[in-house]
């Protein structure tokens, strides 16, 4: 079983990378900074939802 600090680091960087990727893809497809920001925020809302309801 990996140490707790390793798990927290993976989650921290994984979520940051996920948000950045969502924003980059959104901007590429829509050519809109507004939608890129919205998609980045929605990624965080999904993380909170999954954390609260343990859907992972």
N, C-alpha and C. Protein backbone atom coordinates (compact mmCIF):
# COMPACT_ATOMS: atom_id res chain seq x y z
N UNK A 1 0.85 -1.19 0.00
CA UNK A 1 0.00 0.00 0.00
C UNK A 1 0.89 1.24 0.00
N UNK A 2 0.66 2.17 -0.96
CA UNK A 2 1.51 3.37 -1.02
C UNK A 2 1.26 4.29 0.17
N UNK A 3 2.28 5.07 0.51
CA UNK A 3 2.10 6.03 1.61
C UNK A 3 1.03 7.06 1.29
N UNK A 4 0.47 7.64 2.32
CA UNK A 4 -0.61 8.62 2.16
C UNK A 4 -0.14 9.84 1.38
N UNK A 5 1.08 10.31 1.65
CA UNK A 5 1.56 11.52 0.96
C UNK A 5 1.64 11.30 -0.54
N UNK A 6 1.96 10.09 -0.98
CA UNK A 6 2.01 9.82 -2.42
C UNK A 6 0.61 9.90 -3.02
N UNK A 7 -0.38 9.37 -2.32
CA UNK A 7 -1.76 9.40 -2.80
C UNK A 7 -2.25 10.84 -2.93
N UNK A 8 -1.94 11.68 -1.94
CA UNK A 8 -2.37 13.08 -1.98
C UNK A 8 -1.70 13.83 -3.13
N UNK A 9 -0.44 13.52 -3.41
CA UNK A 9 0.27 14.17 -4.50
C UNK A 9 -0.33 13.79 -5.84
N UNK A 10 -0.65 12.52 -6.01
CA UNK A 10 -1.24 12.06 -7.26
C UNK A 10 -2.58 12.73 -7.48
N UNK A 11 -3.39 12.81 -6.44
CA UNK A 11 -4.70 13.46 -6.55
C UNK A 11 -4.53 14.94 -6.86
N UNK A 12 -3.62 15.60 -6.17
CA UNK A 12 -3.40 17.04 -6.37
C UNK A 12 -3.01 17.34 -7.82
N UNK A 13 -2.02 16.64 -8.34
CA UNK A 13 -1.55 16.90 -9.69
C UNK A 13 -2.52 16.36 -10.74
N UNK A 14 -3.20 15.28 -10.43
CA UNK A 14 -4.17 14.72 -11.37
C UNK A 14 -5.34 15.66 -11.60
N UNK A 15 -5.84 16.24 -10.53
CA UNK A 15 -6.97 17.17 -10.65
C UNK A 15 -6.53 18.44 -11.36
N UNK A 16 -5.35 18.95 -11.05
CA UNK A 16 -4.84 20.14 -11.73
C UNK A 16 -4.64 19.90 -13.21
N UNK A 17 -4.10 18.75 -13.56
CA UNK A 17 -3.89 18.40 -14.96
C UNK A 17 -5.23 18.22 -15.66
N UNK A 18 -6.19 17.59 -14.97
CA UNK A 18 -7.51 17.38 -15.56
C UNK A 18 -8.21 18.69 -15.88
N UNK A 19 -8.12 19.65 -14.98
CA UNK A 19 -8.74 20.96 -15.22
C UNK A 19 -8.05 21.67 -16.37
N UNK A 20 -6.73 21.62 -16.39
CA UNK A 20 -5.99 22.28 -17.47
C UNK A 20 -6.31 21.64 -18.81
N UNK A 21 -6.41 20.33 -18.82
CA UNK A 21 -6.73 19.63 -20.07
C UNK A 21 -8.14 19.98 -20.54
N UNK A 22 -9.10 20.01 -19.61
CA UNK A 22 -10.48 20.37 -19.97
C UNK A 22 -10.53 21.78 -20.55
N UNK A 23 -9.80 22.70 -19.95
CA UNK A 23 -9.79 24.07 -20.43
C UNK A 23 -9.12 24.18 -21.80
N UNK A 24 -8.03 23.45 -22.00
CA UNK A 24 -7.33 23.50 -23.28
C UNK A 24 -8.19 22.92 -24.41
N UNK A 25 -8.82 21.79 -24.15
CA UNK A 25 -9.67 21.17 -25.16
C UNK A 25 -10.87 22.07 -25.46
N UNK A 26 -11.46 22.63 -24.40
CA UNK A 26 -12.61 23.50 -24.59
C UNK A 26 -12.24 24.73 -25.43
N UNK A 27 -11.08 25.32 -25.13
CA UNK A 27 -10.67 26.50 -25.89
C UNK A 27 -10.39 26.14 -27.35
N UNK A 28 -9.77 24.98 -27.56
CA UNK A 28 -9.47 24.54 -28.92
C UNK A 28 -10.75 24.33 -29.73
N UNK A 29 -11.74 23.73 -29.11
CA UNK A 29 -12.98 23.44 -29.83
C UNK A 29 -13.88 24.66 -29.99
N UNK A 30 -13.98 25.49 -28.94
CA UNK A 30 -14.94 26.60 -28.95
C UNK A 30 -14.33 27.96 -29.26
N UNK A 31 -13.02 28.08 -29.17
CA UNK A 31 -12.32 29.37 -29.37
C UNK A 31 -12.88 30.47 -28.47
N UNK A 32 -13.18 30.07 -27.21
CA UNK A 32 -13.77 31.01 -26.26
C UNK A 32 -13.14 30.82 -24.88
N UNK A 33 -12.57 31.90 -24.36
CA UNK A 33 -11.99 31.83 -23.02
C UNK A 33 -13.09 31.62 -21.98
N UNK A 34 -14.25 32.22 -22.19
CA UNK A 34 -15.38 32.07 -21.27
C UNK A 34 -15.73 30.59 -21.08
N UNK A 35 -15.90 29.86 -22.18
CA UNK A 35 -16.27 28.44 -22.07
C UNK A 35 -15.14 27.61 -21.48
N UNK A 36 -13.91 27.99 -21.75
CA UNK A 36 -12.78 27.27 -21.17
C UNK A 36 -12.80 27.40 -19.65
N UNK A 37 -13.08 28.59 -19.15
CA UNK A 37 -13.15 28.80 -17.69
C UNK A 37 -14.32 28.03 -17.11
N UNK A 38 -15.46 28.06 -17.77
CA UNK A 38 -16.64 27.32 -17.29
C UNK A 38 -16.32 25.82 -17.21
N UNK A 39 -15.68 25.26 -18.22
CA UNK A 39 -15.37 23.84 -18.21
C UNK A 39 -14.34 23.50 -17.13
N UNK A 40 -13.41 24.40 -16.88
CA UNK A 40 -12.45 24.19 -15.79
C UNK A 40 -13.15 24.16 -14.43
N UNK A 41 -14.11 25.06 -14.24
CA UNK A 41 -14.87 25.10 -12.98
C UNK A 41 -15.76 23.87 -12.85
N UNK A 42 -16.39 23.47 -13.93
CA UNK A 42 -17.25 22.28 -13.88
C UNK A 42 -16.45 21.03 -13.53
N UNK A 43 -15.20 20.98 -13.92
CA UNK A 43 -14.35 19.85 -13.53
C UNK A 43 -14.20 19.79 -12.03
N UNK A 44 -14.01 20.93 -11.38
CA UNK A 44 -13.88 20.96 -9.92
C UNK A 44 -15.21 20.60 -9.25
N UNK A 45 -16.31 21.03 -9.82
CA UNK A 45 -17.62 20.69 -9.25
C UNK A 45 -17.83 19.19 -9.29
N UNK A 46 -17.39 18.54 -10.39
CA UNK A 46 -17.52 17.09 -10.47
C UNK A 46 -16.64 16.40 -9.43
N UNK A 47 -15.45 16.93 -9.19
CA UNK A 47 -14.57 16.35 -8.16
C UNK A 47 -15.24 16.43 -6.80
N UNK A 48 -15.84 17.56 -6.48
CA UNK A 48 -16.55 17.70 -5.20
C UNK A 48 -17.73 16.74 -5.12
N UNK A 49 -18.47 16.60 -6.19
CA UNK A 49 -19.61 15.67 -6.24
C UNK A 49 -19.14 14.24 -5.99
N UNK A 50 -18.05 13.85 -6.68
CA UNK A 50 -17.54 12.49 -6.51
C UNK A 50 -17.02 12.28 -5.09
N UNK A 51 -16.41 13.28 -4.50
CA UNK A 51 -15.90 13.18 -3.15
C UNK A 51 -17.04 13.04 -2.14
N UNK A 52 -18.10 13.81 -2.32
CA UNK A 52 -19.23 13.77 -1.39
C UNK A 52 -20.01 12.46 -1.51
N UNK A 53 -20.29 12.04 -2.74
CA UNK A 53 -21.12 10.87 -2.93
C UNK A 53 -20.33 9.58 -3.19
N UNK A 54 -19.01 9.67 -3.18
CA UNK A 54 -18.12 8.50 -3.34
C UNK A 54 -18.49 7.68 -4.57
N UNK A 55 -18.58 8.31 -5.72
CA UNK A 55 -18.94 7.60 -6.94
C UNK A 55 -17.74 7.02 -7.66
N UNK A 56 -16.55 7.15 -7.13
CA UNK A 56 -15.36 6.65 -7.81
C UNK A 56 -15.03 5.25 -7.40
